[in-house]
PDB file of N, CA and C in Angstrom:
ATOM      1  N   MET A   1      33.197  29.344   2.249  1.00  0.00           N
ATOM      2  CA  MET A   1      32.256  28.332   2.705  1.00  0.00           C
ATOM      3  C   MET A   1      31.350  27.951   1.538  1.00  0.00           C
ATOM      4  N   GLY A   2      30.909  26.677   1.526  1.00  0.00           N
ATOM      5  CA  GLY A   2      30.055  26.188   0.448  1.00  0.00           C
ATOM      6  C   GLY A   2      28.595  26.486   0.692  1.00  0.00           C
ATOM      7  N   SER A   3      27.775  25.951  -0.160  1.00  0.00           N
ATOM      8  CA  SER A   3      26.329  26.125  -0.083  1.00  0.00           C
ATOM      9  C   SER A   3      25.757  25.477   1.170  1.00  0.00           C
ATOM     10  N   VAL A   4      24.508  25.840   1.488  1.00  0.00           N
ATOM     11  CA  VAL A   4      23.772  25.188   2.565  1.00  0.00           C
ATOM     12  C   VAL A   4      22.537  24.526   1.975  1.00  0.00           C
ATOM     13  N   VAL A   5      22.166  23.403   2.560  1.00  0.00           N
ATOM     14  CA  VAL A   5      20.991  22.647   2.131  1.00  0.00           C
ATOM     15  C   VAL A   5      19.994  22.641   3.274  1.00  0.00           C
ATOM     16  N   LYS A   6      18.742  22.897   2.933  1.00  0.00           N
ATOM     17  CA  LYS A   6      17.645  22.838   3.896  1.00  0.00           C
ATOM     18  C   LYS A   6      16.660  21.800   3.387  1.00  0.00           C
ATOM     19  N   ILE A   7      16.335  20.842   4.237  1.00  0.00           N
ATOM     20  CA  ILE A   7      15.370  19.813   3.880  1.00  0.00           C
ATOM     21  C   ILE A   7      14.215  19.905   4.866  1.00  0.00           C
ATOM     22  N   ASN A   8      13.050  20.257   4.338  1.00  0.00           N
ATOM     23  CA  ASN A   8      11.848  20.317   5.154  1.00  0.00           C
ATOM     24  C   ASN A   8      11.165  18.959   5.032  1.00  0.00           C
ATOM     25  N   VAL A   9      11.041  18.261   6.145  1.00  0.00           N
ATOM     26  CA  VAL A   9      10.435  16.930   6.180  1.00  0.00           C
ATOM     27  C   VAL A   9       8.963  17.109   6.536  1.00  0.00           C
ATOM     28  N   LEU A  10       8.087  16.784   5.572  1.00  0.00           N
ATOM     29  CA  LEU A  10       6.644  16.977   5.753  1.00  0.00           C
ATOM     30  C   LEU A  10       5.931  15.644   5.908  1.00  0.00           C
ATOM     31  N   THR A  11       5.237  15.468   7.009  1.00  0.00           N
ATOM     32  CA  THR A  11       4.407  14.292   7.204  1.00  0.00           C
ATOM     33  C   THR A  11       3.071  14.561   6.532  1.00  0.00           C
ATOM     34  N   VAL A  12       2.723  13.716   5.547  1.00  0.00           N
ATOM     35  CA  VAL A  12       1.533  13.972   4.734  1.00  0.00           C
ATOM     36  C   VAL A  12       0.652  12.727   4.717  1.00  0.00           C
ATOM     37  N   PRO A  13      -0.566  12.815   5.258  1.00  0.00           N
ATOM     38  CA  PRO A  13      -1.487  11.680   5.185  1.00  0.00           C
ATOM     39  C   PRO A  13      -1.760  11.321   3.722  1.00  0.00           C
ATOM     40  N   ALA A  14      -1.987  10.049   3.452  1.00  0.00           N
ATOM     41  CA  ALA A  14      -2.186   9.564   2.081  1.00  0.00           C
ATOM     42  C   ALA A  14      -3.252  10.354   1.334  1.00  0.00           C
ATOM     43  N   GLU A  15      -4.341  10.707   2.015  1.00  0.00           N
ATOM     44  CA  GLU A  15      -5.439  11.418   1.341  1.00  0.00           C
ATOM     45  C   GLU A  15      -5.085  12.870   1.005  1.00  0.00           C
ATOM     46  N   GLN A  16      -3.956  13.377   1.512  1.00  0.00           N
ATOM     47  CA  GLN A  16      -3.551  14.764   1.260  1.00  0.00           C
ATOM     48  C   GLN A  16      -2.399  14.883   0.262  1.00  0.00           C
ATOM     49  N   ARG A  17      -1.854  13.748  -0.202  1.00  0.00           N
ATOM     50  CA  ARG A  17      -0.687  13.787  -1.091  1.00  0.00           C
ATOM     51  C   ARG A  17      -0.947  14.579  -2.364  1.00  0.00           C
ATOM     52  N   ALA A  18      -2.048  14.304  -3.044  1.00  0.00           N
ATOM     53  CA  ALA A  18      -2.351  15.001  -4.298  1.00  0.00           C
ATOM     54  C   ALA A  18      -2.508  16.498  -4.044  1.00  0.00           C
ATOM     55  N   GLU A  19      -3.132  16.857  -2.939  1.00  0.00           N
ATOM     56  CA  GLU A  19      -3.325  18.271  -2.600  1.00  0.00           C
ATOM     57  C   GLU A  19      -1.985  18.958  -2.349  1.00  0.00           C
ATOM     58  N   LEU A  20      -1.093  18.305  -1.621  1.00  0.00           N
ATOM     59  CA  LEU A  20       0.226  18.879  -1.350  1.00  0.00           C
ATOM     60  C   LEU A  20       0.977  19.126  -2.660  1.00  0.00           C
ATOM     61  N   GLU A  21       0.986  18.143  -3.544  1.00  0.00           N
ATOM     62  CA  GLU A  21       1.703  18.281  -4.811  1.00  0.00           C
ATOM     63  C   GLU A  21       1.085  19.384  -5.669  1.00  0.00           C
ATOM     64  N   LYS A  22      -0.240  19.486  -5.647  1.00  0.00           N
ATOM     65  CA  LYS A  22      -0.935  20.532  -6.406  1.00  0.00           C
ATOM     66  C   LYS A  22      -0.549  21.915  -5.877  1.00  0.00           C
ATOM     67  N   ARG A  23      -0.472  22.041  -4.560  1.00  0.00           N
ATOM     68  CA  ARG A  23      -0.125  23.333  -3.966  1.00  0.00           C
ATOM     69  C   ARG A  23       1.308  23.731  -4.319  1.00  0.00           C
ATOM     70  N   PHE A  24       2.227  22.777  -4.289  1.00  0.00           N
ATOM     71  CA  PHE A  24       3.606  23.091  -4.677  1.00  0.00           C
ATOM     72  C   PHE A  24       3.669  23.475  -6.146  1.00  0.00           C
ATOM     73  N   ALA A  25       2.931  22.784  -6.998  1.00  0.00           N
ATOM     74  CA  ALA A  25       2.929  23.101  -8.430  1.00  0.00           C
ATOM     75  C   ALA A  25       2.393  24.508  -8.671  1.00  0.00           C
ATOM     76  N   SER A  26       1.413  24.931  -7.885  1.00  0.00           N
ATOM     77  CA  SER A  26       0.833  26.256  -8.088  1.00  0.00           C
ATOM     78  C   SER A  26       1.762  27.362  -7.596  1.00  0.00           C
ATOM     79  N   ARG A  27       2.753  27.001  -6.807  1.00  0.00           N
ATOM     80  CA  ARG A  27       3.726  27.983  -6.323  1.00  0.00           C
ATOM     81  C   ARG A  27       4.981  28.013  -7.186  1.00  0.00           C
ATOM     82  N   ALA A  28       4.961  27.307  -8.305  1.00  0.00           N
ATOM     83  CA  ALA A  28       6.138  27.242  -9.174  1.00  0.00           C
ATOM     84  C   ALA A  28       6.667  28.643  -9.419  1.00  0.00           C
ATOM     85  N   GLY A  29       7.946  28.814  -9.208  1.00  0.00           N
ATOM     86  CA  GLY A  29       8.583  30.103  -9.424  1.00  0.00           C
ATOM     87  C   GLY A  29       8.676  30.958  -8.180  1.00  0.00           C
ATOM     88  N   ALA A  30       8.008  30.567  -7.093  1.00  0.00           N
ATOM     89  CA  ALA A  30       7.981  31.395  -5.886  1.00  0.00           C
ATOM     90  C   ALA A  30       9.358  31.556  -5.244  1.00  0.00           C
ATOM     91  N   VAL A  31      10.208  30.563  -5.354  1.00  0.00           N
ATOM     92  CA  VAL A  31      11.519  30.634  -4.714  1.00  0.00           C
ATOM     93  C   VAL A  31      12.637  30.912  -5.718  1.00  0.00           C
ATOM     94  N   GLU A  32      12.411  30.595  -6.978  1.00  0.00           N
ATOM     95  CA  GLU A  32      13.473  30.639  -7.975  1.00  0.00           C
ATOM     96  C   GLU A  32      14.117  32.004  -8.168  1.00  0.00           C
ATOM     97  N   ASN A  33      13.389  33.084  -7.895  1.00  0.00           N
ATOM     98  CA  ASN A  33      13.946  34.424  -8.075  1.00  0.00           C
ATOM     99  C   ASN A  33      14.579  34.993  -6.813  1.00  0.00           C
ATOM    100  N   SER A  34      14.651  34.197  -5.751  1.00  0.00           N
ATOM    101  CA  SER A  34      15.220  34.679  -4.496  1.00  0.00           C
ATOM    102  C   SER A  34      16.736  34.731  -4.573  1.00  0.00           C
ATOM    103  N   ASP A  35      17.312  35.788  -4.028  1.00  0.00           N
ATOM    104  CA  ASP A  35      18.760  35.957  -4.033  1.00  0.00           C
ATOM    105  C   ASP A  35      19.419  34.810  -3.282  1.00  0.00           C
ATOM    106  N   GLY A  36      20.399  34.183  -3.895  1.00  0.00           N
ATOM    107  CA  GLY A  36      21.138  33.103  -3.256  1.00  0.00           C
ATOM    108  C   GLY A  36      20.531  31.728  -3.437  1.00  0.00           C
ATOM    109  N   PHE A  37      19.338  31.650  -4.043  1.00  0.00           N
ATOM    110  CA  PHE A  37      18.701  30.354  -4.285  1.00  0.00           C
ATOM    111  C   PHE A  37      19.481  29.588  -5.340  1.00  0.00           C
ATOM    112  N   GLU A  38      19.700  28.277  -5.113  1.00  0.00           N
ATOM    113  CA  GLU A  38      20.438  27.454  -6.068  1.00  0.00           C
ATOM    114  C   GLU A  38      19.655  26.255  -6.609  1.00  0.00           C
ATOM    115  N   TRP A  39      18.775  25.632  -5.785  1.00  0.00           N
ATOM    116  CA  TRP A  39      18.107  24.426  -6.263  1.00  0.00           C
ATOM    117  C   TRP A  39      16.899  24.099  -5.406  1.00  0.00           C
ATOM    118  N   PHE A  40      15.877  23.482  -6.018  1.00  0.00           N
ATOM    119  CA  PHE A  40      14.677  23.024  -5.318  1.00  0.00           C
ATOM    120  C   PHE A  40      14.274  21.667  -5.863  1.00  0.00           C
ATOM    121  N   GLU A  41      13.827  20.778  -4.987  1.00  0.00           N
ATOM    122  CA  GLU A  41      13.199  19.517  -5.388  1.00  0.00           C
ATOM    123  C   GLU A  41      12.155  19.138  -4.350  1.00  0.00           C
ATOM    124  N   LEU A  42      10.990  18.675  -4.819  1.00  0.00           N
ATOM    125  CA  LEU A  42       9.968  18.085  -3.957  1.00  0.00           C
ATOM    126  C   LEU A  42      10.066  16.583  -4.170  1.00  0.00           C
ATOM    127  N   LEU A  43      10.388  15.849  -3.107  1.00  0.00           N
ATOM    128  CA  LEU A  43      10.603  14.400  -3.209  1.00  0.00           C
ATOM    129  C   LEU A  43       9.425  13.653  -2.602  1.00  0.00           C
ATOM    130  N   ARG A  44       8.754  12.856  -3.434  1.00  0.00           N
ATOM    131  CA  ARG A  44       7.594  12.062  -3.012  1.00  0.00           C
ATOM    132  C   ARG A  44       8.085  10.729  -2.439  1.00  0.00           C
ATOM    133  N   PRO A  45       7.532  10.300  -1.291  1.00  0.00           N
ATOM    134  CA  PRO A  45       7.919   8.995  -0.743  1.00  0.00           C
ATOM    135  C   PRO A  45       7.439   7.858  -1.642  1.00  0.00           C
ATOM    136  N   VAL A  46       8.270   6.844  -1.771  1.00  0.00           N
ATOM    137  CA  VAL A  46       7.919   5.688  -2.595  1.00  0.00           C
ATOM    138  C   VAL A  46       7.474   4.529  -1.714  1.00  0.00           C
ATOM    139  N   GLU A  47       8.231   4.271  -0.666  1.00  0.00           N
ATOM    140  CA  GLU A  47       7.851   3.185   0.250  1.00  0.00           C
ATOM    141  C   GLU A  47       8.475   3.431   1.616  1.00  0.00           C
ATOM    142  N   GLY A  48       7.839   2.910   2.640  1.00  0.00           N
ATOM    143  CA  GLY A  48       8.403   2.930   3.982  1.00  0.00           C
ATOM    144  C   GLY A  48       8.209   4.206   4.779  1.00  0.00           C
ATOM    145  N   THR A  49       7.576   5.229   4.193  1.00  0.00           N
ATOM    146  CA  THR A  49       7.359   6.465   4.938  1.00  0.00           C
ATOM    147  C   THR A  49       6.201   7.246   4.316  1.00  0.00           C
ATOM    148  N   ASP A  50       5.623   8.131   5.114  1.00  0.00           N
ATOM    149  CA  ASP A  50       4.592   9.029   4.595  1.00  0.00           C
ATOM    150  C   ASP A  50       5.141  10.446   4.526  1.00  0.00           C
ATOM    151  N   GLN A  51       6.468  10.590   4.569  1.00  0.00           N
ATOM    152  CA  GLN A  51       7.083  11.902   4.613  1.00  0.00           C
ATOM    153  C   GLN A  51       7.637  12.334   3.257  1.00  0.00           C
ATOM    154  N   TYR A  52       7.236  13.511   2.847  1.00  0.00           N
ATOM    155  CA  TYR A  52       7.805  14.168   1.666  1.00  0.00           C
ATOM    156  C   TYR A  52       9.040  14.939   2.124  1.00  0.00           C
ATOM    157  N   LEU A  53      10.004  15.104   1.227  1.00  0.00           N
ATOM    158  CA  LEU A  53      11.165  15.938   1.507  1.00  0.00           C
ATOM    159  C   LEU A  53      11.149  17.115   0.536  1.00  0.00           C
ATOM    160  N   VAL A  54      11.265  18.313   1.089  1.00  0.00           N
ATOM    161  CA  VAL A  54      11.375  19.520   0.280  1.00  0.00           C
ATOM    162  C   VAL A  54      12.827  19.969   0.385  1.00  0.00           C
ATOM    163  N   TYR A  55      13.577  19.758  -0.708  1.00  0.00           N
ATOM    164  CA  TYR A  55      15.012  20.013  -0.730  1.00  0.00           C
ATOM    165  C   TYR A  55      15.277  21.372  -1.370  1.00  0.00           C
ATOM    166  N   THR A  56      15.961  22.251  -0.653  1.00  0.00           N
ATOM    167  CA  THR A  56      16.419  23.506  -1.254  1.00  0.00           C
ATOM    168  C   THR A  56      17.894  23.689  -0.933  1.00  0.00           C
ATOM    169  N   ARG A  57      18.618  24.274  -1.892  1.00  0.00           N
ATOM    170  CA  ARG A  57      20.045  24.570  -1.692  1.00  0.00           C
ATOM    171  C   ARG A  57      20.219  26.076  -1.887  1.00  0.00           C
ATOM    172  N   TRP A  58      21.029  26.668  -1.009  1.00  0.00           N
ATOM    173  CA  TRP A  58      21.232  28.118  -0.967  1.00  0.00           C
ATOM    174  C   TRP A  58      22.716  28.443  -0.962  1.00  0.00           C
ATOM    175  N   ARG A  59      23.056  29.610  -1.472  1.00  0.00           N
ATOM    176  CA  ARG A  59      24.439  30.080  -1.492  1.00  0.00           C
ATOM    177  C   ARG A  59      24.978  30.236  -0.067  1.00  0.00           C
ATOM    178  N   SER A  60      24.118  30.680   0.864  1.00  0.00           N
ATOM    179  CA  SER A  60      24.558  30.898   2.248  1.00  0.00           C
ATOM    180  C   SER A  60      23.368  30.798   3.206  1.00  0.00           C
ATOM    181  N   GLU A  61      23.673  30.653   4.467  1.00  0.00           N
ATOM    182  CA  GLU A  61      22.657  30.650   5.521  1.00  0.00           C
ATOM    183  C   GLU A  61      21.909  31.986   5.533  1.00  0.00           C
ATOM    184  N   GLU A  62      22.632  33.066   5.298  1.00  0.00           N
ATOM    185  CA  GLU A  62      22.030  34.393   5.284  1.00  0.00           C
ATOM    186  C   GLU A  62      20.973  34.517   4.169  1.00  0.00           C
ATOM    187  N   ASP A  63      21.280  33.949   2.983  1.00  0.00           N
ATOM    188  CA  ASP A  63      20.311  33.993   1.886  1.00  0.00           C
ATOM    189  C   ASP A  63      19.050  33.217   2.235  1.00  0.00           C
ATOM    190  N   PHE A  64      19.222  32.054   2.858  1.00  0.00           N
ATOM    191  CA  PHE A  64      18.063  31.262   3.274  1.00  0.00           C
ATOM    192  C   PHE A  64      17.222  32.035   4.291  1.00  0.00           C
ATOM    193  N   LYS A  65      17.883  32.631   5.282  1.00  0.00           N
ATOM    194  CA  LYS A  65      17.161  33.381   6.310  1.00  0.00           C
ATOM    195  C   LYS A  65      16.415  34.568   5.718  1.00  0.00           C
ATOM    196  N   ALA A  66      17.029  35.249   4.753  1.00  0.00           N
ATOM    197  CA  ALA A  66      16.367  36.391   4.109  1.00  0.00           C
ATOM    198  C   ALA A  66      15.104  35.930   3.390  1.00  0.00           C
ATOM    199  N   TRP A  67      15.158  34.782   2.735  1.00  0.00           N
ATOM    200  CA  TRP A  67      13.981  34.247   2.057  1.00  0.00           C
ATOM    201  C   TRP A  67      12.918  33.845   3.080  1.00  0.00           C
ATOM    202  N   MET A  68      13.345  33.187   4.164  1.00  0.00           N
ATOM    203  CA  MET A  68      12.395  32.761   5.209  1.00  0.00           C
ATOM    204  C   MET A  68      11.676  33.953   5.828  1.00  0.00           C
ATOM    205  N   GLU A  69      12.398  35.053   6.035  1.00  0.00           N
ATOM    206  CA  GLU A  69      11.818  36.212   6.706  1.00  0.00           C
ATOM    207  C   GLU A  69      11.043  37.113   5.754  1.00  0.00           C
ATOM    208  N   GLY A  70      11.197  36.894   4.451  1.00  0.00           N
ATOM    209  CA  GLY A  70      10.520  37.728   3.467  1.00  0.00           C
ATOM    210  C   GLY A  70       9.470  36.960   2.703  1.00  0.00           C
ATOM    211  N   PRO A  71       9.799  36.542   1.466  1.00  0.00           N
ATOM    212  CA  PRO A  71       8.800  35.916   0.584  1.00  0.00           C
ATOM    213  C   PRO A  71       8.153  34.657   1.159  1.00  0.00           C
ATOM    214  N   MET A  72       8.924  33.794   1.805  1.00  0.00           N
ATOM    215  CA  MET A  72       8.350  32.543   2.317  1.00  0.00           C
ATOM    216  C   MET A  72       7.372  32.819   3.448  1.00  0.00           C
ATOM    217  N   GLN A  73       7.721  33.725   4.328  1.00  0.00           N
ATOM    218  CA  GLN A  73       6.836  34.046   5.447  1.00  0.00           C
ATOM    219  C   GLN A  73       5.520  34.639   4.938  1.00  0.00           C
ATOM    220  N   ALA A  74       5.609  35.484   3.933  1.00  0.00           N
ATOM    221  CA  ALA A  74       4.397  36.078   3.361  1.00  0.00           C
ATOM    222  C   ALA A  74       3.511  35.010   2.725  1.00  0.00           C
ATOM    223  N   ALA A  75       4.124  34.062   2.005  1.00  0.00           N
ATOM    224  CA  ALA A  75       3.359  32.995   1.353  1.00  0.00           C
ATOM    225  C   ALA A  75       2.656  32.120   2.384  1.00  0.00           C
ATOM    226  N   HIS A  76       3.344  31.797   3.474  1.00  0.00           N
ATOM    227  CA  HIS A  76       2.736  30.940   4.490  1.00  0.00           C
ATOM    228  C   HIS A  76       1.672  31.680   5.285  1.00  0.00           C
ATOM    229  N   ARG A  77       1.853  32.963   5.466  1.00  0.00           N
ATOM    230  CA  ARG A  77       0.858  33.757   6.192  1.00  0.00           C
ATOM    231  C   ARG A  77      -0.430  33.823   5.374  1.00  0.00           C
ATOM    232  N   GLN A  78      -0.273  33.947   4.053  1.00  0.00           N
ATOM    233  CA  GLN A  78      -1.432  33.985   3.157  1.00  0.00           C
ATOM    234  C   GLN A  78      -2.133  32.641   3.106  1.00  0.00           C
ATOM    235  N   GLY A  79      -1.359  31.558   3.108  1.00  0.00           N
ATOM    236  CA  GLY A  79      -1.919  30.219   2.970  1.00  0.00           C
ATOM    237  C   GLY A  79      -2.323  29.957   1.535  1.00  0.00           C
ATOM    238  N   PRO A  80      -2.709  28.718   1.227  1.00  0.00           N
ATOM    239  CA  PRO A  80      -3.123  28.403  -0.131  1.00  0.00           C
ATOM    240  C   PRO A  80      -4.437  29.090  -0.473  1.00  0.00           C
ATOM    241  N   PRO A  81      -4.587  29.501  -1.712  1.00  0.00           N
ATOM    242  CA  PRO A  81      -5.812  30.211  -2.087  1.00  0.00           C
ATOM    243  C   PRO A  81      -7.037  29.305  -2.016  1.00  0.00           C
ATOM    244  N   ALA A  82      -8.130  29.849  -1.534  1.00  0.00           N
ATOM    245  CA  ALA A  82      -9.401  29.125  -1.484  1.00  0.00           C
ATOM    246  C   ALA A  82     -10.261  29.596  -2.651  1.00  0.00           C
ATOM    247  N   ALA A  83     -11.112  28.714  -3.127  1.00  0.00           N
ATOM    248  CA  ALA A  83     -12.047  29.092  -4.195  1.00  0.00           C
ATOM    249  C   ALA A  83     -13.042  30.099  -3.629  1.00  0.00           C
ATOM    250  N   GLU A  84     -13.643  30.863  -4.515  1.00  0.00           N
ATOM    251  CA  GLU A  84     -14.597  31.880  -4.082  1.00  0.00           C
ATOM    252  C   GLU A  84     -15.710  31.241  -3.256  1.00  0.00           C
ATOM    253  N   GLY A  85     -15.958  31.826  -2.084  1.00  0.00           N
ATOM    254  CA  GLY A  85     -17.009  31.317  -1.214  1.00  0.00           C
ATOM    255  C   GLY A  85     -16.570  30.185  -0.296  1.00  0.00           C
ATOM    256  N   GLU A  86     -15.328  29.698  -0.462  1.00  0.00           N
ATOM    257  CA  GLU A  86     -14.822  28.610   0.384  1.00  0.00           C
ATOM    258  C   GLU A  86     -14.085  29.178   1.584  1.00  0.00           C
ATOM    259  N   ALA A  87     -14.013  28.369   2.643  1.00  0.00           N
ATOM    260  CA  ALA A  87     -13.202  28.725   3.799  1.00  0.00           C
ATOM    261  C   ALA A  87     -11.728  28.557   3.423  1.00  0.00           C
ATOM    262  N   PRO A  88     -10.819  29.276   4.089  1.00  0.00           N
ATOM    263  CA  PRO A  88      -9.396  29.105   3.804  1.00  0.00           C
ATOM    264  C   PRO A  88      -8.986  27.637   3.957  1.00  0.00           C
ATOM    265  N   LYS A  89      -8.062  27.194   3.095  1.00  0.00           N
ATOM    266  CA  LYS A  89      -7.631  25.798   3.117  1.00  0.00           C
ATOM    267  C   LYS A  89      -6.666  25.537   4.271  1.00  0.00           C
ATOM    268  N   ARG A  90      -6.780  24.350   4.821  1.00  0.00           N
ATOM    269  CA  ARG A  90      -5.886  23.927   5.897  1.00  0.00           C
ATOM    270  C   ARG A  90      -4.600  23.369   5.294  1.00  0.00           C
ATOM    271  N   PRO A  91      -3.516  23.323   6.086  1.00  0.00           N
ATOM    272  CA  PRO A  91      -2.272  22.747   5.568  1.00  0.00           C
ATOM    273  C   PRO A  91      -2.478  21.295   5.140  1.00  0.00           C
ATOM    274  N   ALA A  92      -1.781  20.880   4.083  1.00  0.00           N
ATOM    275  CA  ALA A  92      -1.868  19.494   3.612  1.00  0.00           C
ATOM    276  C   ALA A  92      -1.003  18.573   4.471  1.00  0.00           C
ATOM    277  N   ALA A  93       0.058  19.119   5.063  1.00  0.00           N
ATOM    278  CA  ALA A  93       0.951  18.321   5.902  1.00  0.00           C
ATOM    279  C   ALA A  93       0.476  18.376   7.353  1.00  0.00           C
ATOM    280  N   SER A  94       0.644  17.252   8.063  1.00  0.00           N
ATOM    281  CA  SER A  94       0.244  17.224   9.466  1.00  0.00           C
ATOM    282  C   SER A  94       1.425  17.496  10.393  1.00  0.00           C
ATOM    283  N   GLY A  95       2.631  17.579   9.844  1.00  0.00           N
ATOM    284  CA  GLY A  95       3.815  17.861  10.644  1.00  0.00           C
ATOM    285  C   GLY A  95       4.957  18.299   9.757  1.00  0.00           C
ATOM    286  N   SER A  96       5.920  19.030  10.350  1.00  0.00           N
ATOM    287  CA  SER A  96       7.038  19.553   9.580  1.00  0.00           C
ATOM    288  C   SER A  96       8.278  19.652  10.458  1.00  0.00           C
ATOM    289  N   THR A  97       9.422  19.214   9.929  1.00  0.00           N
ATOM    290  CA  THR A  97      10.712  19.320  10.609  1.00  0.00           C
ATOM    291  C   THR A  97      11.716  19.853   9.603  1.00  0.00           C
ATOM    292  N   LEU A  98      12.582  20.787  10.020  1.00  0.00           N
ATOM    293  CA  LEU A  98      13.595  21.332   9.117  1.00  0.00           C
ATOM    294  C   LEU A  98      14.964  20.773   9.470  1.00  0.00           C
ATOM    295  N   TRP A  99      15.620  20.158   8.479  1.00  0.00           N
ATOM    296  CA  TRP A  99      16.996  19.672   8.621  1.00  0.00           C
ATOM    297  C   TRP A  99      17.907  20.656   7.912  1.00  0.00           C
ATOM    298  N   SER A 100      19.100  20.915   8.478  1.00  0.00           N
ATOM    299  CA  SER A 100      20.062  21.838   7.880  1.00  0.00           C
ATOM    300  C   SER A 100      21.409  21.152   7.694  1.00  0.00           C
ATOM    301  N   PHE A 101      22.020  21.401   6.540  1.00  0.00           N
ATOM    302  CA  PHE A 101      23.309  20.806   6.207  1.00  0.00           C
ATOM    303  C   PHE A 101      24.187  21.826   5.506  1.00  0.00           C
ATOM    304  N   GLU A 102      25.511  21.653   5.599  1.00  0.00           N
ATOM    305  CA  GLU A 102      26.468  22.388   4.781  1.00  0.00           C
ATOM    306  C   GLU A 102      26.975  21.439   3.718  1.00  0.00           C
ATOM    307  N   VAL A 103      27.135  21.916   2.495  1.00  0.00           N
ATOM    308  CA  VAL A 103      27.678  21.088   1.421  1.00  0.00           C
ATOM    309  C   VAL A 103      29.188  21.027   1.589  1.00  0.00           C
ATOM    310  N   VAL A 104      29.692  19.824   1.826  1.00  0.00           N
ATOM    311  CA  VAL A 104      31.118  19.622   2.022  1.00  0.00           C
ATOM    312  C   VAL A 104      31.753  19.157   0.716  1.00  0.00           C
ATOM    313  N   GLN A 105      31.040  18.299  -0.018  1.00  0.00           N
ATOM    314  CA  GLN A 105      31.484  17.810  -1.320  1.00  0.00           C
ATOM    315  C   GLN A 105      30.277  17.687  -2.216  1.00  0.00           C
ATOM    316  N   SER A 106      30.488  17.910  -3.502  1.00  0.00           N
ATOM    317  CA  SER A 106      29.422  17.645  -4.462  1.00  0.00           C
ATOM    318  C   SER A 106      30.059  17.299  -5.792  1.00  0.00           C
ATOM    319  N   ALA A 107      29.297  16.604  -6.632  1.00  0.00           N
ATOM    320  CA  ALA A 107      29.778  16.207  -7.952  1.00  0.00           C
ATOM    321  C   ALA A 107      28.600  16.145  -8.889  1.00  0.00           C
ATOM    322  N   GLY A 108      28.866  16.314 -10.144  1.00  0.00           N
ATOM    323  CA  GLY A 108      27.855  16.172 -11.175  1.00  0.00           C
ATOM    324  C   GLY A 108      28.402  15.227 -12.221  1.00  0.00           C
ATOM    325  N   PRO A 109      27.608  14.927 -13.236  1.00  0.00           N
ATOM    326  CA  PRO A 109      28.081  14.035 -14.286  1.00  0.00           C
ATOM    327  C   PRO A 109      29.258  14.640 -15.049  1.00  0.00           C
ATOM    328  N   LYS A 110      30.145  13.785 -15.494  1.00  0.00           N
ATOM    329  CA  LYS A 110      31.283  14.249 -16.303  1.00  0.00           C
ATOM    330  C   LYS A 110      30.807  14.567 -17.700  1.00  0.00           C
ATOM    331  N   ALA A 111      31.377  15.629 -18.261  1.00  0.00           N
ATOM    332  CA  ALA A 111      30.969  16.075 -19.606  1.00  0.00           C
ATOM    333  C   ALA A 111      31.376  15.075 -20.668  1.00  0.00           C
TER     334      ALA A 111
END
């Protein structure tokens, strides 16, 4: 069986876009060392939607689930760090939906 793709669709109000991107940038490396991880992209909407797409590709469904139940769950439970003396930060996205796909075909540029 081929890889699996998970796309988290995040509804982000315009005033929260910079905050969302900053939070993802501060988590750089959080998923890259996970077993079975293959690819990550944060896709910013250009027109026609307020939804960001968080694209990840995994070797298997089991690898994705292991990450969800381990490192990802811990990161979300902690939430984004607040500055000293500040209240914990609220999520930047106002909604989230997870799409799941199996990779049936893929191609890259020819050498």
